[in-house]
Amino acid sequence: MVPVRLAPEANVLVVVRALTLADHAGELGFPGGKPEPGEALSDAAMRELGEELAVGSTEVELVGALTAIPVVTGKYLITPFVGVLGERAVPRIVSPELEQIIEVPIAPFFTGGARIFGFYTDHRGDPFLLPHFRFGEHVLFGASAVILFELLARLAGALELPLPELVVEDERPWGTRYPP
């Protein structure tokens, strides 16, 4: 679930995963997880939002889905949903899987105040410009960055605003975390 808060300003909530996790420790992403048997993907996204950030289904409006993103390992296909938090929603960490919530203002991406970065990588023999985002000392990369980029691109199209050009970097945004 990509949680969006509209007031007092439009923000996307990004979570920092706990350093104690076996997979993706310390990485940024969005609330989510695997569906239960027979559970609709949108219902799983809503459930995970509640389990991780204590936001109930009555406190969020599901506004749509983004493109399903395959994870590079080939193990998962992430189906992201966008949910607008109601005014009374008070997201807070209630899962030991998370350490922090980062509220990312959306407007600066359209006004030039925020940058989107890119890194050319190889995917199955083809060069691929992978977007990533920097929030202080944290970097949102991989499938989660692709999800945020698509959300921003859709908003830009709907608002008829340009997105900033990606600032291409030579260093891998994930550092030495994953082998080349």
Protein backbone atom coordinates (compact mmCIF):
# COMPACT_ATOMS: atom_id res chain seq x y z
CA MET A 1 0.00 0.00 0.00
CA VAL A 2 1.32 3.44 -0.93
CA PRO A 3 -0.20 5.63 1.79
CA VAL A 4 -0.84 9.23 0.73
CA ARG A 5 -1.82 12.06 3.05
CA LEU A 6 -3.45 15.09 1.35
CA ALA A 7 -3.66 17.59 4.23
CA PRO A 8 -2.12 19.84 5.33
CA GLU A 9 0.06 19.07 2.29
CA ALA A 10 0.28 16.07 -0.02
CA ASN A 11 2.76 13.50 1.30
CA VAL A 12 3.64 9.90 0.57
CA LEU A 13 4.51 7.78 3.60
CA VAL A 14 7.61 5.65 3.19
CA VAL A 15 8.66 3.15 5.85
CA VAL A 16 12.13 2.10 6.99
CA ARG A 17 12.38 -1.62 7.62
CA ALA A 18 13.95 -2.86 10.86
CA LEU A 19 17.65 -3.64 10.89
CA THR A 20 16.89 -6.97 12.57
CA LEU A 21 15.10 -8.45 9.54
CA ALA A 22 16.66 -11.28 7.56
CA ASP A 23 15.58 -9.77 4.21
CA HIS A 24 15.78 -6.11 3.17
CA ALA A 25 16.90 -4.95 6.63
CA GLY A 26 17.11 -1.15 6.89
CA GLU A 27 15.68 -0.63 3.42
CA LEU A 28 12.91 1.79 2.54
CA GLY A 29 9.59 0.73 1.09
CA PHE A 30 5.86 0.75 1.67
CA PRO A 31 3.64 -1.23 4.03
CA GLY A 32 2.86 -4.60 2.55
CA GLY A 33 3.21 -8.33 2.61
CA LYS A 34 1.87 -11.56 1.23
CA PRO A 35 -1.86 -12.20 0.87
CA GLU A 36 -3.51 -14.89 2.96
CA PRO A 37 -4.91 -17.84 0.97
CA GLY A 38 -8.00 -16.66 -0.92
CA GLU A 39 -7.49 -13.02 0.11
CA ALA A 40 -7.88 -10.34 -2.58
CA LEU A 41 -4.68 -8.38 -3.16
CA SER A 42 -6.37 -5.07 -2.30
CA ASP A 43 -7.65 -6.58 0.95
CA ALA A 44 -4.16 -7.82 1.77
CA ALA A 45 -2.78 -4.32 1.18
CA MET A 46 -5.39 -2.82 3.52
CA ARG A 47 -4.72 -5.49 6.16
CA GLU A 48 -0.97 -4.93 6.01
CA LEU A 49 -1.46 -1.17 6.37
CA GLY A 50 -3.35 -1.84 9.59
CA GLU A 51 -0.86 -4.42 10.87
CA GLU A 52 2.15 -2.20 10.20
CA LEU A 53 0.90 1.39 10.67
CA ALA A 54 -2.32 0.99 12.68
CA VAL A 55 -4.45 2.54 9.93
CA GLY A 56 -7.85 0.86 9.75
CA SER A 57 -9.84 0.28 6.59
CA THR A 58 -12.30 3.03 7.59
CA GLU A 59 -9.40 5.52 7.75
CA VAL A 60 -8.15 5.06 4.19
CA GLU A 61 -9.74 5.31 0.77
CA LEU A 62 -8.36 2.90 -1.78
CA VAL A 63 -8.05 4.98 -4.96
CA GLY A 64 -6.48 2.50 -7.34
CA ALA A 65 -3.65 0.20 -8.28
CA LEU A 66 -0.34 0.88 -9.93
CA THR A 67 1.48 -1.45 -12.32
CA ALA A 68 2.53 -4.78 -10.82
CA ILE A 69 6.30 -4.81 -10.40
CA PRO A 70 8.34 -8.03 -10.55
CA VAL A 71 11.13 -8.18 -8.00
CA VAL A 72 14.56 -8.76 -9.53
CA THR A 73 14.98 -12.06 -7.67
CA GLY A 74 11.95 -13.38 -9.55
CA LYS A 75 10.38 -14.55 -6.28
CA TYR A 76 7.63 -11.95 -6.05
CA LEU A 77 5.31 -9.76 -8.06
CA ILE A 78 4.38 -6.64 -6.10
CA THR A 79 0.92 -5.26 -6.83
CA PRO A 80 0.90 -1.76 -5.35
CA PHE A 81 -2.28 0.04 -4.34
CA VAL A 82 -2.62 3.72 -3.50
CA GLY A 83 -4.61 4.66 -0.43
CA VAL A 84 -5.49 8.19 0.67
CA LEU A 85 -5.45 8.52 4.42
CA GLY A 86 -8.41 10.19 6.05
CA GLU A 87 -7.96 13.27 8.24
CA ARG A 88 -8.36 11.20 11.41
CA ALA A 89 -5.79 8.57 10.44
CA VAL A 90 -2.73 8.65 12.69
CA PRO A 91 -0.16 6.27 11.22
CA ARG A 92 2.24 4.87 13.79
CA ILE A 93 4.57 1.92 13.79
CA VAL A 94 2.96 -1.12 15.39
CA SER A 95 5.04 -3.82 13.73
CA PRO A 96 8.51 -4.97 14.80
CA GLU A 97 9.29 -5.15 11.06
CA LEU A 98 9.49 -1.33 10.86
CA GLU A 99 11.66 1.33 12.47
CA GLN A 100 10.51 4.65 11.05
CA ILE A 101 7.96 6.46 8.91
CA ILE A 102 9.24 9.13 6.53
CA GLU A 103 6.68 11.62 5.19
CA VAL A 104 7.78 12.69 1.72
CA PRO A 105 6.21 15.90 0.36
CA ILE A 106 4.96 15.42 -3.20
CA ALA A 107 4.86 19.04 -4.45
CA PRO A 108 8.66 19.58 -4.51
CA PHE A 109 8.96 16.96 -7.25
CA PHE A 110 6.88 19.25 -9.49
CA THR A 111 8.38 22.57 -8.40
CA GLY A 112 12.04 21.61 -8.69
CA GLY A 113 12.62 21.36 -4.94
CA ALA A 114 13.17 17.60 -4.99
CA ARG A 115 15.26 15.51 -7.33
CA ILE A 116 14.78 12.06 -8.74
CA PHE A 117 17.94 10.08 -9.30
CA GLY A 118 18.70 7.29 -11.72
CA PHE A 119 21.27 4.55 -12.07
CA TYR A 120 21.89 2.45 -15.17
CA THR A 121 21.89 -1.20 -14.29
CA ASP A 122 21.60 -4.42 -16.24
CA HIS A 123 18.44 -6.50 -16.19
CA ARG A 124 18.58 -9.78 -18.08
CA GLY A 125 21.22 -8.44 -20.43
CA ASP A 126 19.55 -5.11 -21.16
CA PRO A 127 20.51 -1.71 -19.75
CA PHE A 128 17.82 -0.28 -17.51
CA LEU A 129 17.58 3.18 -15.93
CA LEU A 130 16.41 2.50 -12.41
CA PRO A 131 15.02 5.50 -10.50
CA HIS A 132 15.84 6.08 -6.87
CA PHE A 133 15.12 8.73 -4.26
CA ARG A 134 17.20 10.21 -1.45
CA PHE A 135 15.57 11.22 1.83
CA GLY A 136 18.31 12.40 4.16
CA GLU A 137 20.64 9.47 4.79
CA HIS A 138 18.08 7.03 3.40
CA VAL A 139 17.75 5.85 -0.21
CA LEU A 140 14.59 4.38 -1.70
CA PHE A 141 15.64 2.05 -4.53
CA GLY A 142 14.50 -1.06 -6.39
CA ALA A 143 10.86 -1.99 -6.84
CA SER A 144 9.71 0.54 -4.23
CA ALA A 145 11.40 3.37 -6.11
CA VAL A 146 9.78 2.23 -9.36
CA ILE A 147 6.41 2.30 -7.57
CA LEU A 148 6.94 5.86 -6.28
CA PHE A 149 8.20 6.97 -9.69
CA GLU A 150 5.06 5.63 -11.38
CA LEU A 151 2.84 7.40 -8.84
CA LEU A 152 4.65 10.69 -9.46
CA ALA A 153 4.51 10.18 -13.24
CA ARG A 154 0.76 9.53 -13.11
CA LEU A 155 0.23 12.63 -10.96
CA ALA A 156 2.37 14.68 -13.35
CA GLY A 157 0.27 13.50 -16.28
CA ALA A 158 -3.02 14.21 -14.52
CA LEU A 159 -1.88 17.66 -13.40
CA GLU A 160 -0.15 18.40 -16.72
CA LEU A 161 3.10 19.12 -14.88
CA PRO A 162 6.59 18.01 -15.85
CA LEU A 163 8.63 15.71 -13.65
CA PRO A 164 12.26 16.68 -13.20
CA GLU A 165 14.76 14.84 -15.34
CA LEU A 166 16.50 12.03 -13.55
CA VAL A 167 19.94 12.91 -12.21
CA VAL A 168 21.98 9.94 -13.40
CA GLU A 169 24.55 8.73 -10.90
CA ASP A 170 27.49 6.38 -11.45
CA GLU A 171 27.33 4.69 -8.03
CA ARG A 172 24.85 1.97 -7.22
CA PRO A 173 22.24 3.47 -4.82
CA TRP A 174 22.21 0.25 -2.80
CA GLY A 175 25.99 0.39 -2.30
CA THR A 176 27.52 -3.02 -1.64
CA ARG A 177 24.27 -4.49 -0.28
CA TYR A 178 23.64 -6.58 -3.40
CA PRO A 179 26.31 -7.97 -5.74
CA PRO A 180 26.45 -6.63 -9.31
